[in-house]
Amino acid sequence: TLANALSGRSGKVLDLACGSGTLAVLIKQQYPLLTVHGVDGDPEMLGRAERKARDAGIDVKFSHGLADALPFEEGSFDVVVSSLFFHHLSRVGKVSAFSEIKRVLSPTGELVVADWGRPQNLLMRAAFFPVRLLDGMENTRDNVRGDLPSLIGASGFSRVDTLSDIATPLGTISILTANNSDGA
């Protein structure tokens, strides 16, 4: 889980596609020794995120950037987290984003992703259908097929695991973790 990836750490965490900053702020509140960064492609959302962090009285750094061209140096982060983002991307976009995440992770870094996964049953498949219509049948195809773990692995990550599949009113959310394979 995210708690396992973050507990005991004092390094740097990146919240990819941080949106309004809710997860980044929560991480900083729960793990004050971490340096937390959020990145998003929407300047309006970044403004909301900055206000949220300021209102909470915590220091979270926010940057404008896209998942396939992150504005950070190689090996900058110990953990990269992302929540409900990858289903918005095409297959090529997903592969590019996972490769870019691998680049900005330290050699022993960890990726934690929460996103729509393979529906657990017909009810979950039906529940996810409106999301697919909204976000695009093609963009969500990899999620429905359960292909995110293999796409992560194909980007060079090791030990890609599905920690859990959670039934929600809108479909199944999968929690995935992966380690950067460059570690010795």
Protein backbone atom coordinates (compact mmCIF):
# COMPACT_ATOMS: atom_id res chain seq x y z
CA THR A 1 0.00 0.00 0.00
CA LEU A 2 0.93 3.66 -0.11
CA ALA A 3 1.55 3.59 3.64
CA ASN A 4 4.07 0.76 3.20
CA ALA A 5 5.87 2.65 0.43
CA LEU A 6 6.09 5.84 2.49
CA SER A 7 6.54 4.72 6.09
CA GLY A 8 9.97 5.34 7.51
CA ARG A 9 11.09 7.34 4.49
CA SER A 10 12.58 10.80 4.61
CA GLY A 11 13.08 11.29 0.88
CA LYS A 12 11.16 12.83 -1.98
CA VAL A 13 7.71 11.87 -3.27
CA LEU A 14 6.10 12.93 -6.54
CA ASP A 15 2.32 12.98 -6.96
CA LEU A 16 1.91 12.64 -10.74
CA ALA A 17 -1.20 14.34 -12.13
CA CYS A 18 -1.86 15.78 -8.69
CA GLY A 19 -4.98 17.70 -9.72
CA SER A 20 -6.21 19.82 -6.82
CA GLY A 21 -3.46 18.47 -4.56
CA THR A 22 -5.57 16.38 -2.18
CA LEU A 23 -3.25 13.35 -2.19
CA ALA A 24 -0.06 15.42 -2.06
CA VAL A 25 -1.37 17.38 0.94
CA LEU A 26 -2.51 14.20 2.69
CA ILE A 27 0.91 12.58 2.16
CA LYS A 28 2.72 15.60 3.62
CA GLN A 29 0.35 15.70 6.60
CA GLN A 30 0.82 11.99 7.31
CA TYR A 31 4.58 11.91 6.61
CA PRO A 32 5.99 15.35 7.50
CA LEU A 33 9.63 14.25 6.99
CA LEU A 34 9.00 13.67 3.28
CA THR A 35 9.56 16.33 0.66
CA VAL A 36 6.40 16.23 -1.44
CA HIS A 37 6.05 17.51 -4.99
CA GLY A 38 2.95 17.56 -7.15
CA VAL A 39 2.95 17.91 -10.92
CA ASP A 40 -0.01 18.52 -13.21
CA GLY A 41 -0.64 19.77 -16.72
CA ASP A 42 -3.52 22.07 -15.73
CA PRO A 43 -2.43 25.47 -14.33
CA GLU A 44 -5.88 26.08 -12.81
CA MET A 45 -5.69 22.82 -10.85
CA LEU A 46 -2.17 23.70 -9.71
CA GLY A 47 -3.50 27.00 -8.35
CA ARG A 48 -6.11 25.09 -6.35
CA ALA A 49 -3.44 22.69 -5.11
CA GLU A 50 -1.19 25.54 -3.95
CA ARG A 51 -4.10 27.14 -2.07
CA LYS A 52 -5.00 23.81 -0.47
CA ALA A 53 -1.44 23.29 0.79
CA ARG A 54 -1.19 26.89 1.99
CA ASP A 55 -4.54 26.62 3.81
CA ALA A 56 -3.34 23.41 5.47
CA GLY A 57 -0.15 25.19 6.56
CA ILE A 58 2.18 22.70 4.91
CA ASP A 59 4.97 22.89 2.36
CA VAL A 60 4.22 21.01 -0.85
CA LYS A 61 5.93 22.08 -4.06
CA PHE A 62 3.80 22.13 -7.21
CA SER A 63 5.06 22.25 -10.78
CA HIS A 64 3.50 22.43 -14.21
CA GLY A 65 4.42 19.46 -16.38
CA LEU A 66 3.15 16.59 -18.49
CA ALA A 67 3.53 12.90 -17.69
CA ASP A 68 5.69 12.24 -20.75
CA ALA A 69 8.06 15.18 -20.12
CA LEU A 70 8.43 15.65 -16.37
CA PRO A 71 10.35 18.80 -15.34
CA PHE A 72 12.69 16.91 -13.00
CA GLU A 73 16.19 15.46 -13.21
CA GLU A 74 16.87 11.77 -13.53
CA GLY A 75 16.60 9.92 -10.21
CA SER A 76 14.92 12.83 -8.38
CA PHE A 77 12.30 10.86 -6.40
CA ASP A 78 12.15 7.92 -4.04
CA VAL A 79 8.44 7.29 -4.63
CA VAL A 80 6.07 8.32 -7.43
CA VAL A 81 2.34 8.02 -6.75
CA SER A 82 -0.55 8.50 -9.13
CA SER A 83 -4.28 8.21 -8.58
CA LEU A 84 -6.94 7.84 -11.28
CA PHE A 85 -4.82 9.29 -14.06
CA PHE A 86 -3.69 6.59 -16.48
CA HIS A 87 -7.17 5.77 -17.80
CA HIS A 88 -7.16 9.22 -19.42
CA LEU A 89 -4.14 8.34 -21.59
CA SER A 90 -3.84 6.42 -24.83
CA ARG A 91 -1.73 3.25 -24.77
CA VAL A 92 1.21 5.20 -26.22
CA GLY A 93 0.69 7.89 -23.57
CA LYS A 94 0.68 5.30 -20.80
CA VAL A 95 3.93 3.74 -22.05
CA SER A 96 5.57 7.18 -22.38
CA ALA A 97 4.44 8.18 -18.89
CA PHE A 98 5.70 4.95 -17.29
CA SER A 99 9.07 5.39 -19.02
CA GLU A 100 9.29 8.98 -17.79
CA ILE A 101 8.38 7.91 -14.24
CA LYS A 102 11.16 5.33 -14.37
CA ARG A 103 13.57 8.08 -15.43
CA VAL A 104 12.76 10.37 -12.47
CA LEU A 105 12.77 7.59 -9.88
CA SER A 106 15.91 6.81 -7.90
CA PRO A 107 17.54 3.46 -8.68
CA THR A 108 15.72 1.93 -5.68
CA GLY A 109 12.52 3.95 -6.13
CA GLU A 110 8.96 2.69 -6.01
CA LEU A 111 5.88 3.44 -8.10
CA VAL A 112 2.39 3.26 -6.56
CA VAL A 113 -0.62 3.55 -8.89
CA ALA A 114 -4.32 3.50 -8.10
CA ASP A 115 -6.43 3.38 -11.25
CA TRP A 116 -9.29 1.55 -12.89
CA GLY A 117 -8.43 -2.10 -13.41
CA ARG A 118 -9.94 -5.25 -14.87
CA PRO A 119 -13.56 -5.46 -13.67
CA GLN A 120 -13.96 -8.19 -11.05
CA ASN A 121 -17.31 -9.30 -12.47
CA LEU A 122 -20.13 -8.27 -14.83
CA LEU A 123 -21.56 -5.81 -12.32
CA MET A 124 -18.20 -4.00 -12.08
CA ARG A 125 -17.89 -4.04 -15.87
CA ALA A 126 -21.35 -2.45 -16.20
CA ALA A 127 -20.55 0.10 -13.48
CA PHE A 128 -17.40 1.14 -15.35
CA PHE A 129 -19.19 1.62 -18.68
CA PRO A 130 -20.20 5.30 -18.03
CA VAL A 131 -16.57 6.10 -17.13
CA ARG A 132 -15.44 4.48 -20.38
CA LEU A 133 -17.94 6.56 -22.34
CA LEU A 134 -16.75 9.74 -20.65
CA ASP A 135 -13.00 9.09 -20.83
CA GLY A 136 -12.94 7.18 -24.11
CA MET A 137 -13.29 3.51 -24.94
CA GLU A 138 -9.83 3.37 -26.49
CA ASN A 139 -8.08 5.13 -23.57
CA THR A 140 -9.72 2.85 -21.00
CA ARG A 141 -9.20 -0.40 -22.95
CA ASP A 142 -5.86 -1.20 -21.27
CA ASN A 143 -7.49 -0.71 -17.88
CA VAL A 144 -10.46 -3.00 -18.64
CA ARG A 145 -8.12 -5.68 -19.97
CA GLY A 146 -5.96 -5.47 -16.85
CA ASP A 147 -2.93 -4.46 -18.93
CA LEU A 148 -1.49 -1.73 -16.68
CA PRO A 149 0.86 -4.14 -14.84
CA SER A 150 2.32 -5.45 -18.11
CA LEU A 151 2.73 -1.89 -19.47
CA ILE A 152 4.56 -0.91 -16.28
CA GLY A 153 6.79 -3.99 -16.54
CA ALA A 154 7.50 -3.31 -20.22
CA SER A 155 8.84 0.11 -19.18
CA GLY A 156 11.63 -1.59 -17.23
CA PHE A 157 10.14 -1.80 -13.75
CA SER A 158 10.61 -4.95 -11.69
CA ARG A 159 8.31 -6.68 -9.25
CA VAL A 160 5.08 -5.23 -10.57
CA ASP A 161 2.34 -6.32 -8.17
CA THR A 162 -1.39 -5.82 -7.89
CA LEU A 163 -1.85 -5.28 -4.17
CA SER A 164 -5.63 -5.18 -4.27
CA ASP A 165 -8.69 -4.74 -6.42
CA ILE A 166 -11.39 -2.62 -4.84
CA ALA A 167 -15.03 -2.66 -5.93
CA THR A 168 -16.48 0.86 -6.15
CA PRO A 169 -19.78 2.25 -7.46
CA LEU A 170 -18.00 3.10 -10.74
CA GLY A 171 -15.98 -0.07 -11.23
CA THR A 172 -12.87 -1.83 -9.96
CA ILE A 173 -9.86 0.17 -8.79
CA SER A 174 -6.54 -1.66 -8.80
CA ILE A 175 -3.67 -0.71 -6.49
CA LEU A 176 -0.37 -1.47 -8.23
CA THR A 177 3.23 -1.19 -7.08
CA ALA A 178 6.48 -1.54 -8.96
CA ASN A 179 10.16 -1.17 -8.14
CA ASN A 180 12.71 0.56 -10.31
CA SER A 181 14.84 -2.28 -11.63
CA ASP A 182 18.11 -0.32 -11.74
CA GLY A 183 18.76 -0.90 -8.04
CA ALA A 184 21.72 -3.10 -7.18
